[in-house]
PDB file of N, CA and C in Angstrom:
ATOM      1  N   MET A   1     293.188 414.209 -22.192  1.00  0.00           N
ATOM      2  CA  MET A   1     293.310 413.255 -23.271  1.00  0.00           C
ATOM      3  C   MET A   1     294.251 412.105 -22.927  1.00  0.00           C
ATOM      4  N   ASP A   2     294.887 412.159 -21.790  1.00  0.00           N
ATOM      5  CA  ASP A   2     295.831 411.101 -21.410  1.00  0.00           C
ATOM      6  C   ASP A   2     295.051 409.914 -20.861  1.00  0.00           C
ATOM      7  N   ASN A   3     294.888 408.894 -21.669  1.00  0.00           N
ATOM      8  CA  ASN A   3     294.092 407.728 -21.276  1.00  0.00           C
ATOM      9  C   ASN A   3     295.006 406.509 -21.212  1.00  0.00           C
ATOM     10  N   PRO A   4     295.413 406.061 -20.035  1.00  0.00           N
ATOM     11  CA  PRO A   4     296.343 404.930 -19.940  1.00  0.00           C
ATOM     12  C   PRO A   4     295.724 403.594 -20.329  1.00  0.00           C
ATOM     13  N   SER A   5     294.443 403.548 -20.541  1.00  0.00           N
ATOM     14  CA  SER A   5     293.819 402.280 -20.908  1.00  0.00           C
ATOM     15  C   SER A   5     293.632 402.122 -22.419  1.00  0.00           C
ATOM     16  N   SER A   6     294.179 403.023 -23.198  1.00  0.00           N
ATOM     17  CA  SER A   6     294.050 402.883 -24.647  1.00  0.00           C
ATOM     18  C   SER A   6     294.962 401.761 -25.138  1.00  0.00           C
ATOM     19  N   ILE A   7     294.720 401.289 -26.353  1.00  0.00           N
ATOM     20  CA  ILE A   7     295.519 400.195 -26.895  1.00  0.00           C
ATOM     21  C   ILE A   7     296.953 400.602 -27.139  1.00  0.00           C
ATOM     22  N   TRP A   8     297.217 401.888 -27.225  1.00  0.00           N
ATOM     23  CA  TRP A   8     298.569 402.370 -27.497  1.00  0.00           C
ATOM     24  C   TRP A   8     299.428 402.406 -26.236  1.00  0.00           C
ATOM     25  N   ASP A   9     298.801 402.304 -25.089  1.00  0.00           N
ATOM     26  CA  ASP A   9     299.527 402.377 -23.824  1.00  0.00           C
ATOM     27  C   ASP A   9     299.856 401.017 -23.228  1.00  0.00           C
ATOM     28  N   ARG A  10     299.543 399.965 -23.895  1.00  0.00           N
ATOM     29  CA  ARG A  10     299.834 398.632 -23.357  1.00  0.00           C
ATOM     30  C   ARG A  10     300.838 397.926 -24.257  1.00  0.00           C
ATOM     31  N   PRO A  11     301.628 397.020 -23.698  1.00  0.00           N
ATOM     32  CA  PRO A  11     302.602 396.306 -24.540  1.00  0.00           C
ATOM     33  C   PRO A  11     301.915 395.338 -25.496  1.00  0.00           C
ATOM     34  N   VAL A  12     302.600 395.060 -26.543  1.00  0.00           N
ATOM     35  CA  VAL A  12     302.091 394.125 -27.550  1.00  0.00           C
ATOM     36  C   VAL A  12     302.176 392.710 -26.988  1.00  0.00           C
ATOM     37  N   THR A  13     301.150 391.900 -27.244  1.00  0.00           N
ATOM     38  CA  THR A  13     301.143 390.516 -26.764  1.00  0.00           C
ATOM     39  C   THR A  13     301.903 389.621 -27.738  1.00  0.00           C
ATOM     40  N   ASP A  14     302.294 388.436 -27.257  1.00  0.00           N
ATOM     41  CA  ASP A  14     302.963 387.469 -28.128  1.00  0.00           C
ATOM     42  C   ASP A  14     302.059 387.054 -29.279  1.00  0.00           C
ATOM     43  N   LYS A  15     300.775 386.903 -29.007  1.00  0.00           N
ATOM     44  CA  LYS A  15     299.833 386.515 -30.058  1.00  0.00           C
ATOM     45  C   LYS A  15     299.801 387.562 -31.171  1.00  0.00           C
ATOM     46  N   GLU A  16     299.800 388.830 -30.791  1.00  0.00           N
ATOM     47  CA  GLU A  16     299.797 389.896 -31.793  1.00  0.00           C
ATOM     48  C   GLU A  16     301.097 389.908 -32.592  1.00  0.00           C
ATOM     49  N   LEU A  17     302.209 389.671 -31.908  1.00  0.00           N
ATOM     50  CA  LEU A  17     303.485 389.618 -32.619  1.00  0.00           C
ATOM     51  C   LEU A  17     303.528 388.444 -33.589  1.00  0.00           C
ATOM     52  N   ASP A  18     303.006 387.284 -33.170  1.00  0.00           N
ATOM     53  CA  ASP A  18     302.967 386.121 -34.054  1.00  0.00           C
ATOM     54  C   ASP A  18     302.139 386.402 -35.297  1.00  0.00           C
ATOM     55  N   GLN A  19     301.036 387.112 -35.129  1.00  0.00           N
ATOM     56  CA  GLN A  19     300.198 387.431 -36.281  1.00  0.00           C
ATOM     57  C   GLN A  19     300.912 388.391 -37.228  1.00  0.00           C
ATOM     58  N   PHE A  20     301.708 389.286 -36.684  1.00  0.00           N
ATOM     59  CA  PHE A  20     302.380 390.272 -37.524  1.00  0.00           C
ATOM     60  C   PHE A  20     303.649 389.715 -38.163  1.00  0.00           C
ATOM     61  N   TYR A  21     304.505 389.106 -37.366  1.00  0.00           N
ATOM     62  CA  TYR A  21     305.789 388.625 -37.856  1.00  0.00           C
ATOM     63  C   TYR A  21     305.792 387.150 -38.217  1.00  0.00           C
ATOM     64  N   GLY A  22     304.825 386.413 -37.746  1.00  0.00           N
ATOM     65  CA  GLY A  22     304.863 384.968 -37.885  1.00  0.00           C
ATOM     66  C   GLY A  22     305.686 384.389 -36.752  1.00  0.00           C
ATOM     67  N   ARG A  23     305.895 383.117 -36.784  1.00  0.00           N
ATOM     68  CA  ARG A  23     306.681 382.479 -35.735  1.00  0.00           C
ATOM     69  C   ARG A  23     307.408 381.295 -36.330  1.00  0.00           C
ATOM     70  N   GLU A  24     308.365 380.797 -35.604  1.00  0.00           N
ATOM     71  CA  GLU A  24     309.142 379.658 -36.076  1.00  0.00           C
ATOM     72  C   GLU A  24     308.271 378.399 -36.055  1.00  0.00           C
ATOM     73  N   VAL A  25     308.373 377.623 -37.087  1.00  0.00           N
ATOM     74  CA  VAL A  25     307.606 376.385 -37.200  1.00  0.00           C
ATOM     75  C   VAL A  25     308.338 375.291 -36.429  1.00  0.00           C
ATOM     76  N   THR A  26     307.594 374.544 -35.622  1.00  0.00           N
ATOM     77  CA  THR A  26     308.209 373.483 -34.824  1.00  0.00           C
ATOM     78  C   THR A  26     308.372 372.213 -35.649  1.00  0.00           C
ATOM     79  N   GLU A  27     309.221 371.329 -35.163  1.00  0.00           N
ATOM     80  CA  GLU A  27     309.460 370.050 -35.842  1.00  0.00           C
ATOM     81  C   GLU A  27     308.181 369.214 -35.904  1.00  0.00           C
ATOM     82  N   SER A  28     307.384 369.252 -34.851  1.00  0.00           N
ATOM     83  CA  SER A  28     306.137 368.476 -34.862  1.00  0.00           C
ATOM     84  C   SER A  28     305.145 369.031 -35.885  1.00  0.00           C
ATOM     85  N   GLU A  29     305.130 370.343 -36.082  1.00  0.00           N
ATOM     86  CA  GLU A  29     304.266 370.930 -37.104  1.00  0.00           C
ATOM     87  C   GLU A  29     304.710 370.511 -38.497  1.00  0.00           C
ATOM     88  N   ILE A  30     306.021 370.418 -38.692  1.00  0.00           N
ATOM     89  CA  ILE A  30     306.544 369.955 -39.978  1.00  0.00           C
ATOM     90  C   ILE A  30     306.129 368.506 -40.220  1.00  0.00           C
ATOM     91  N   ARG A  31     306.303 367.646 -39.200  1.00  0.00           N
ATOM     92  CA  ARG A  31     305.904 366.238 -39.344  1.00  0.00           C
ATOM     93  C   ARG A  31     304.409 366.109 -39.619  1.00  0.00           C
ATOM     94  N   ASP A  32     303.600 366.910 -38.918  1.00  0.00           N
ATOM     95  CA  ASP A  32     302.140 366.862 -39.129  1.00  0.00           C
ATOM     96  C   ASP A  32     301.762 367.304 -40.537  1.00  0.00           C
ATOM     97  N   ALA A  33     302.401 368.357 -41.025  1.00  0.00           N
ATOM     98  CA  ALA A  33     302.107 368.844 -42.383  1.00  0.00           C
ATOM     99  C   ALA A  33     302.516 367.807 -43.419  1.00  0.00           C
ATOM    100  N   ILE A  34     303.661 367.180 -43.221  1.00  0.00           N
ATOM    101  CA  ILE A  34     304.109 366.133 -44.140  1.00  0.00           C
ATOM    102  C   ILE A  34     303.130 364.977 -44.121  1.00  0.00           C
ATOM    103  N   ALA A  35     302.680 364.583 -42.936  1.00  0.00           N
ATOM    104  CA  ALA A  35     301.715 363.481 -42.830  1.00  0.00           C
ATOM    105  C   ALA A  35     300.401 363.832 -43.525  1.00  0.00           C
ATOM    106  N   ARG A  36     299.924 365.068 -43.350  1.00  0.00           N
ATOM    107  CA  ARG A  36     298.681 365.488 -44.022  1.00  0.00           C
ATOM    108  C   ARG A  36     298.834 365.459 -45.532  1.00  0.00           C
ATOM    109  N   GLN A  37     299.948 365.978 -46.023  1.00  0.00           N
ATOM    110  CA  GLN A  37     300.162 366.021 -47.466  1.00  0.00           C
ATOM    111  C   GLN A  37     300.389 364.626 -48.046  1.00  0.00           C
ATOM    112  N   ALA A  38     301.011 363.752 -47.272  1.00  0.00           N
ATOM    113  CA  ALA A  38     301.198 362.363 -47.729  1.00  0.00           C
ATOM    114  C   ALA A  38     299.847 361.656 -47.824  1.00  0.00           C
ATOM    115  N   ALA A  39     298.985 361.898 -46.850  1.00  0.00           N
ATOM    116  CA  ALA A  39     297.653 361.282 -46.880  1.00  0.00           C
ATOM    117  C   ALA A  39     296.813 361.831 -48.028  1.00  0.00           C
ATOM    118  N   ALA A  40     297.090 363.064 -48.430  1.00  0.00           N
ATOM    119  CA  ALA A  40     296.319 363.689 -49.510  1.00  0.00           C
ATOM    120  C   ALA A  40     296.809 363.284 -50.898  1.00  0.00           C
ATOM    121  N   PHE A  41     297.977 362.649 -50.985  1.00  0.00           N
ATOM    122  CA  PHE A  41     298.513 362.206 -52.275  1.00  0.00           C
ATOM    123  C   PHE A  41     297.610 361.101 -52.801  1.00  0.00           C
ATOM    124  N   ASP A  42     296.969 361.322 -53.951  1.00  0.00           N
ATOM    125  CA  ASP A  42     295.969 360.378 -54.446  1.00  0.00           C
ATOM    126  C   ASP A  42     296.273 359.942 -55.883  1.00  0.00           C
ATOM    127  N   ALA A  43     295.297 359.275 -56.481  1.00  0.00           N
ATOM    128  CA  ALA A  43     295.463 358.734 -57.837  1.00  0.00           C
ATOM    129  C   ALA A  43     295.720 359.839 -58.858  1.00  0.00           C
ATOM    130  N   ASN A  44     295.095 360.981 -58.694  1.00  0.00           N
ATOM    131  CA  ASN A  44     295.335 362.091 -59.618  1.00  0.00           C
ATOM    132  C   ASN A  44     296.787 362.553 -59.545  1.00  0.00           C
ATOM    133  N   ASP A  45     297.326 362.602 -58.328  1.00  0.00           N
ATOM    134  CA  ASP A  45     298.726 362.990 -58.165  1.00  0.00           C
ATOM    135  C   ASP A  45     299.656 361.954 -58.789  1.00  0.00           C
ATOM    136  N   LEU A  46     299.339 360.690 -58.599  1.00  0.00           N
ATOM    137  CA  LEU A  46     300.151 359.625 -59.191  1.00  0.00           C
ATOM    138  C   LEU A  46     300.122 359.712 -60.718  1.00  0.00           C
ATOM    139  N   THR A  47     298.952 359.968 -61.265  1.00  0.00           N
ATOM    140  CA  THR A  47     298.818 360.118 -62.715  1.00  0.00           C
ATOM    141  C   THR A  47     299.693 361.256 -63.224  1.00  0.00           C
ATOM    142  N   GLU A  48     299.699 362.356 -62.490  1.00  0.00           N
ATOM    143  CA  GLU A  48     300.511 363.500 -62.884  1.00  0.00           C
ATOM    144  C   GLU A  48     302.005 363.172 -62.822  1.00  0.00           C
ATOM    145  N   VAL A  49     302.422 362.476 -61.779  1.00  0.00           N
ATOM    146  CA  VAL A  49     303.827 362.087 -61.637  1.00  0.00           C
ATOM    147  C   VAL A  49     304.253 361.190 -62.792  1.00  0.00           C
ATOM    148  N   VAL A  50     303.415 360.213 -63.124  1.00  0.00           N
ATOM    149  CA  VAL A  50     303.745 359.294 -64.215  1.00  0.00           C
ATOM    150  C   VAL A  50     303.783 360.041 -65.545  1.00  0.00           C
ATOM    151  N   ALA A  51     302.824 360.933 -65.766  1.00  0.00           N
ATOM    152  CA  ALA A  51     302.796 361.685 -67.025  1.00  0.00           C
ATOM    153  C   ALA A  51     304.021 362.580 -67.168  1.00  0.00           C
ATOM    154  N   GLU A  52     304.440 363.216 -66.072  1.00  0.00           N
ATOM    155  CA  GLU A  52     305.604 364.097 -66.131  1.00  0.00           C
ATOM    156  C   GLU A  52     306.902 363.324 -66.357  1.00  0.00           C
ATOM    157  N   ASN A  53     306.905 362.040 -66.017  1.00  0.00           N
ATOM    158  CA  ASN A  53     308.118 361.220 -66.138  1.00  0.00           C
ATOM    159  C   ASN A  53     307.937 360.079 -67.137  1.00  0.00           C
ATOM    160  N   ALA A  54     307.044 360.256 -68.091  1.00  0.00           N
ATOM    161  CA  ALA A  54     306.705 359.184 -69.022  1.00  0.00           C
ATOM    162  C   ALA A  54     307.911 358.713 -69.832  1.00  0.00           C
ATOM    163  N   VAL A  55     308.740 359.607 -70.307  1.00  0.00           N
ATOM    164  CA  VAL A  55     309.905 359.224 -71.117  1.00  0.00           C
ATOM    165  C   VAL A  55     310.867 358.379 -70.294  1.00  0.00           C
ATOM    166  N   LEU A  56     311.136 358.814 -69.075  1.00  0.00           N
ATOM    167  CA  LEU A  56     312.029 358.070 -68.191  1.00  0.00           C
ATOM    168  C   LEU A  56     311.453 356.694 -67.857  1.00  0.00           C
ATOM    169  N   ILE A  57     310.176 356.648 -67.544  1.00  0.00           N
ATOM    170  CA  ILE A  57     309.537 355.375 -67.203  1.00  0.00           C
ATOM    171  C   ILE A  57     309.547 354.423 -68.391  1.00  0.00           C
ATOM    172  N   LEU A  58     309.273 354.920 -69.591  1.00  0.00           N
ATOM    173  CA  LEU A  58     309.319 354.082 -70.786  1.00  0.00           C
ATOM    174  C   LEU A  58     310.723 353.526 -71.025  1.00  0.00           C
ATOM    175  N   ALA A  59     311.724 354.351 -70.787  1.00  0.00           N
ATOM    176  CA  ALA A  59     313.105 353.876 -70.956  1.00  0.00           C
ATOM    177  C   ALA A  59     313.415 352.772 -69.943  1.00  0.00           C
ATOM    178  N   TYR A  60     312.974 352.947 -68.714  1.00  0.00           N
ATOM    179  CA  TYR A  60     313.176 351.911 -67.701  1.00  0.00           C
ATOM    180  C   TYR A  60     312.427 350.631 -68.057  1.00  0.00           C
ATOM    181  N   LEU A  61     311.226 350.764 -68.619  1.00  0.00           N
ATOM    182  CA  LEU A  61     310.457 349.584 -69.021  1.00  0.00           C
ATOM    183  C   LEU A  61     311.175 348.817 -70.131  1.00  0.00           C
ATOM    184  N   GLN A  62     311.700 349.542 -71.094  1.00  0.00           N
ATOM    185  CA  GLN A  62     312.402 348.878 -72.192  1.00  0.00           C
ATOM    186  C   GLN A  62     313.652 348.155 -71.700  1.00  0.00           C
ATOM    187  N   GLY A  63     314.308 348.723 -70.713  1.00  0.00           N
ATOM    188  CA  GLY A  63     315.500 348.087 -70.166  1.00  0.00           C
ATOM    189  C   GLY A  63     315.191 347.107 -69.053  1.00  0.00           C
ATOM    190  N   GLU A  64     313.918 346.938 -68.752  1.00  0.00           N
ATOM    191  CA  GLU A  64     313.446 346.066 -67.667  1.00  0.00           C
ATOM    192  C   GLU A  64     314.056 346.443 -66.319  1.00  0.00           C
ATOM    193  N   TYR A  65     314.156 347.753 -66.071  1.00  0.00           N
ATOM    194  CA  TYR A  65     314.634 348.264 -64.790  1.00  0.00           C
ATOM    195  C   TYR A  65     313.420 348.633 -63.934  1.00  0.00           C
ATOM    196  N   PHE A  66     312.689 347.626 -63.518  1.00  0.00           N
ATOM    197  CA  PHE A  66     311.422 347.846 -62.838  1.00  0.00           C
ATOM    198  C   PHE A  66     311.593 348.508 -61.473  1.00  0.00           C
ATOM    199  N   GLU A  67     312.649 348.165 -60.774  1.00  0.00           N
ATOM    200  CA  GLU A  67     312.880 348.790 -59.465  1.00  0.00           C
ATOM    201  C   GLU A  67     313.154 350.283 -59.613  1.00  0.00           C
ATOM    202  N   ASP A  68     313.815 350.658 -60.696  1.00  0.00           N
ATOM    203  CA  ASP A  68     314.111 352.068 -60.931  1.00  0.00           C
ATOM    204  C   ASP A  68     312.835 352.869 -61.199  1.00  0.00           C
ATOM    205  N   ILE A  69     311.849 352.233 -61.786  1.00  0.00           N
ATOM    206  CA  ILE A  69     310.557 352.905 -61.996  1.00  0.00           C
ATOM    207  C   ILE A  69     309.952 353.263 -60.647  1.00  0.00           C
ATOM    208  N   GLY A  70     309.960 352.307 -59.751  1.00  0.00           N
ATOM    209  CA  GLY A  70     309.424 352.551 -58.408  1.00  0.00           C
ATOM    210  C   GLY A  70     310.182 353.643 -57.679  1.00  0.00           C
ATOM    211  N   ARG A  71     311.513 353.628 -57.801  1.00  0.00           N
ATOM    212  CA  ARG A  71     312.321 354.658 -57.150  1.00  0.00           C
ATOM    213  C   ARG A  71     312.035 356.046 -57.735  1.00  0.00           C
ATOM    214  N   ALA A  72     311.870 356.108 -59.051  1.00  0.00           N
ATOM    215  CA  ALA A  72     311.586 357.398 -59.700  1.00  0.00           C
ATOM    216  C   ALA A  72     310.231 357.944 -59.260  1.00  0.00           C
ATOM    217  N   ILE A  73     309.242 357.079 -59.193  1.00  0.00           N
ATOM    218  CA  ILE A  73     307.907 357.513 -58.753  1.00  0.00           C
ATOM    219  C   ILE A  73     307.947 357.928 -57.289  1.00  0.00           C
ATOM    220  N   ASP A  74     308.642 357.154 -56.463  1.00  0.00           N
ATOM    221  CA  ASP A  74     308.748 357.481 -55.040  1.00  0.00           C
ATOM    222  C   ASP A  74     309.449 358.822 -54.832  1.00  0.00           C
ATOM    223  N   ARG A  75     310.513 359.085 -55.595  1.00  0.00           N
ATOM    224  CA  ARG A  75     311.239 360.350 -55.481  1.00  0.00           C
ATOM    225  C   ARG A  75     310.324 361.526 -55.827  1.00  0.00           C
ATOM    226  N   GLN A  76     309.552 361.380 -56.916  1.00  0.00           N
ATOM    227  CA  GLN A  76     308.640 362.444 -57.321  1.00  0.00           C
ATOM    228  C   GLN A  76     307.516 362.638 -56.300  1.00  0.00           C
ATOM    229  N   LYS A  77     307.044 361.536 -55.727  1.00  0.00           N
ATOM    230  CA  LYS A  77     306.004 361.621 -54.697  1.00  0.00           C
ATOM    231  C   LYS A  77     306.529 362.410 -53.501  1.00  0.00           C
ATOM    232  N   ARG A  78     307.737 362.108 -53.059  1.00  0.00           N
ATOM    233  CA  ARG A  78     308.330 362.810 -51.915  1.00  0.00           C
ATOM    234  C   ARG A  78     308.541 364.296 -52.225  1.00  0.00           C
ATOM    235  N   GLU A  79     308.947 364.609 -53.441  1.00  0.00           N
ATOM    236  CA  GLU A  79     309.130 366.007 -53.825  1.00  0.00           C
ATOM    237  C   GLU A  79     307.798 366.752 -53.837  1.00  0.00           C
ATOM    238  N   THR A  80     306.751 366.087 -54.303  1.00  0.00           N
ATOM    239  CA  THR A  80     305.421 366.703 -54.308  1.00  0.00           C
ATOM    240  C   THR A  80     304.949 366.971 -52.886  1.00  0.00           C
ATOM    241  N   ILE A  81     305.108 365.995 -52.016  1.00  0.00           N
ATOM    242  CA  ILE A  81     304.693 366.147 -50.617  1.00  0.00           C
ATOM    243  C   ILE A  81     305.492 367.263 -49.943  1.00  0.00           C
ATOM    244  N   ALA A  82     306.803 367.299 -50.157  1.00  0.00           N
ATOM    245  CA  ALA A  82     307.648 368.341 -49.557  1.00  0.00           C
ATOM    246  C   ALA A  82     307.242 369.727 -50.061  1.00  0.00           C
ATOM    247  N   ARG A  83     306.986 369.841 -51.360  1.00  0.00           N
ATOM    248  CA  ARG A  83     306.579 371.122 -51.933  1.00  0.00           C
ATOM    249  C   ARG A  83     305.270 371.606 -51.314  1.00  0.00           C
ATOM    250  N   ARG A  84     304.302 370.712 -51.200  1.00  0.00           N
ATOM    251  CA  ARG A  84     302.998 371.096 -50.646  1.00  0.00           C
ATOM    252  C   ARG A  84     303.086 371.422 -49.158  1.00  0.00           C
ATOM    253  N   ALA A  85     303.891 370.674 -48.411  1.00  0.00           N
ATOM    254  CA  ALA A  85     304.062 370.962 -46.980  1.00  0.00           C
ATOM    255  C   ALA A  85     304.764 372.309 -46.800  1.00  0.00           C
ATOM    256  N   SER A  86     305.735 372.617 -47.649  1.00  0.00           N
ATOM    257  CA  SER A  86     306.415 373.916 -47.587  1.00  0.00           C
ATOM    258  C   SER A  86     305.442 375.059 -47.822  1.00  0.00           C
ATOM    259  N   ILE A  87     304.589 374.884 -48.808  1.00  0.00           N
ATOM    260  CA  ILE A  87     303.598 375.921 -49.102  1.00  0.00           C
ATOM    261  C   ILE A  87     302.628 376.073 -47.936  1.00  0.00           C
ATOM    262  N   GLU A  88     302.206 374.947 -47.365  1.00  0.00           N
ATOM    263  CA  GLU A  88     301.261 374.984 -46.244  1.00  0.00           C
ATOM    264  C   GLU A  88     301.843 375.740 -45.050  1.00  0.00           C
ATOM    265  N   LEU A  89     303.102 375.473 -44.717  1.00  0.00           N
ATOM    266  CA  LEU A  89     303.687 376.047 -43.508  1.00  0.00           C
ATOM    267  C   LEU A  89     304.373 377.393 -43.718  1.00  0.00           C
ATOM    268  N   TYR A  90     305.010 377.573 -44.868  1.00  0.00           N
ATOM    269  CA  TYR A  90     305.827 378.762 -45.080  1.00  0.00           C
ATOM    270  C   TYR A  90     305.315 379.680 -46.180  1.00  0.00           C
ATOM    271  N   GLY A  91     304.387 379.189 -46.978  1.00  0.00           N
ATOM    272  CA  GLY A  91     303.868 380.004 -48.066  1.00  0.00           C
ATOM    273  C   GLY A  91     304.771 380.059 -49.280  1.00  0.00           C
ATOM    274  N   ARG A  92     305.798 379.217 -49.298  1.00  0.00           N
ATOM    275  CA  ARG A  92     306.700 379.159 -50.462  1.00  0.00           C
ATOM    276  C   ARG A  92     307.302 377.764 -50.556  1.00  0.00           C
ATOM    277  N   VAL A  93     307.809 377.427 -51.725  1.00  0.00           N
ATOM    278  CA  VAL A  93     308.385 376.099 -51.940  1.00  0.00           C
ATOM    279  C   VAL A  93     309.863 376.092 -51.576  1.00  0.00           C
ATOM    280  N   GLY A  94     310.387 374.897 -51.369  1.00  0.00           N
ATOM    281  CA  GLY A  94     311.811 374.732 -51.171  1.00  0.00           C
ATOM    282  C   GLY A  94     312.299 374.762 -49.745  1.00  0.00           C
ATOM    283  N   VAL A  95     311.435 375.031 -48.781  1.00  0.00           N
ATOM    284  CA  VAL A  95     311.869 375.072 -47.392  1.00  0.00           C
ATOM    285  C   VAL A  95     311.994 373.658 -46.843  1.00  0.00           C
ATOM    286  N   ILE A  96     310.985 372.845 -47.080  1.00  0.00           N
ATOM    287  CA  ILE A  96     311.023 371.438 -46.679  1.00  0.00           C
ATOM    288  C   ILE A  96     311.555 370.639 -47.862  1.00  0.00           C
ATOM    289  N   GLN A  97     312.529 369.810 -47.604  1.00  0.00           N
ATOM    290  CA  GLN A  97     313.180 369.027 -48.660  1.00  0.00           C
ATOM    291  C   GLN A  97     312.563 367.639 -48.745  1.00  0.00           C
ATOM    292  N   ALA A  98     312.667 367.028 -49.913  1.00  0.00           N
ATOM    293  CA  ALA A  98     312.138 365.685 -50.128  1.00  0.00           C
ATOM    294  C   ALA A  98     312.791 364.671 -49.193  1.00  0.00           C
ATOM    295  N   SER A  99     314.023 364.921 -48.800  1.00  0.00           N
ATOM    296  CA  SER A  99     314.713 364.008 -47.889  1.00  0.00           C
ATOM    297  C   SER A  99     314.090 364.000 -46.495  1.00  0.00           C
ATOM    298  N   GLN A 100     313.314 365.025 -46.162  1.00  0.00           N
ATOM    299  CA  GLN A 100     312.634 365.086 -44.881  1.00  0.00           C
ATOM    300  C   GLN A 100     311.341 364.282 -44.876  1.00  0.00           C
ATOM    301  N   VAL A 101     310.871 363.895 -46.044  1.00  0.00           N
ATOM    302  CA  VAL A 101     309.616 363.146 -46.166  1.00  0.00           C
ATOM    303  C   VAL A 101     309.930 361.680 -45.952  1.00  0.00           C
ATOM    304  N   LEU A 102     309.497 361.155 -44.828  1.00  0.00           N
ATOM    305  CA  LEU A 102     309.764 359.748 -44.476  1.00  0.00           C
ATOM    306  C   LEU A 102     308.451 358.990 -44.450  1.00  0.00           C
ATOM    307  N   VAL A 103     307.871 358.793 -45.614  1.00  0.00           N
ATOM    308  CA  VAL A 103     306.573 358.117 -45.696  1.00  0.00           C
ATOM    309  C   VAL A 103     306.741 356.791 -46.405  1.00  0.00           C
TER     310      VAL A 103
END
């Protein structure tokens, strides 16, 4: 019954370990995921950002703080992209920060 060619008699490959434990995400993979998620940000996402921040945007409009409206929308866009890239690469939110999104 001693069969040295069985799967139990050989060392585990790096590919098998990566599938079981996962592997560290490289900086280029993070940049690529951010770029993909930034390209996927569309009109529906913008509508959602504006709707979620409607009170703030209305207050800025009344005070004629137009630049602040743009900054608020941009901040929310970056947070959305970071959240989606985190989910894509790590399966959870909060790993990639909005400050890492340079779009």
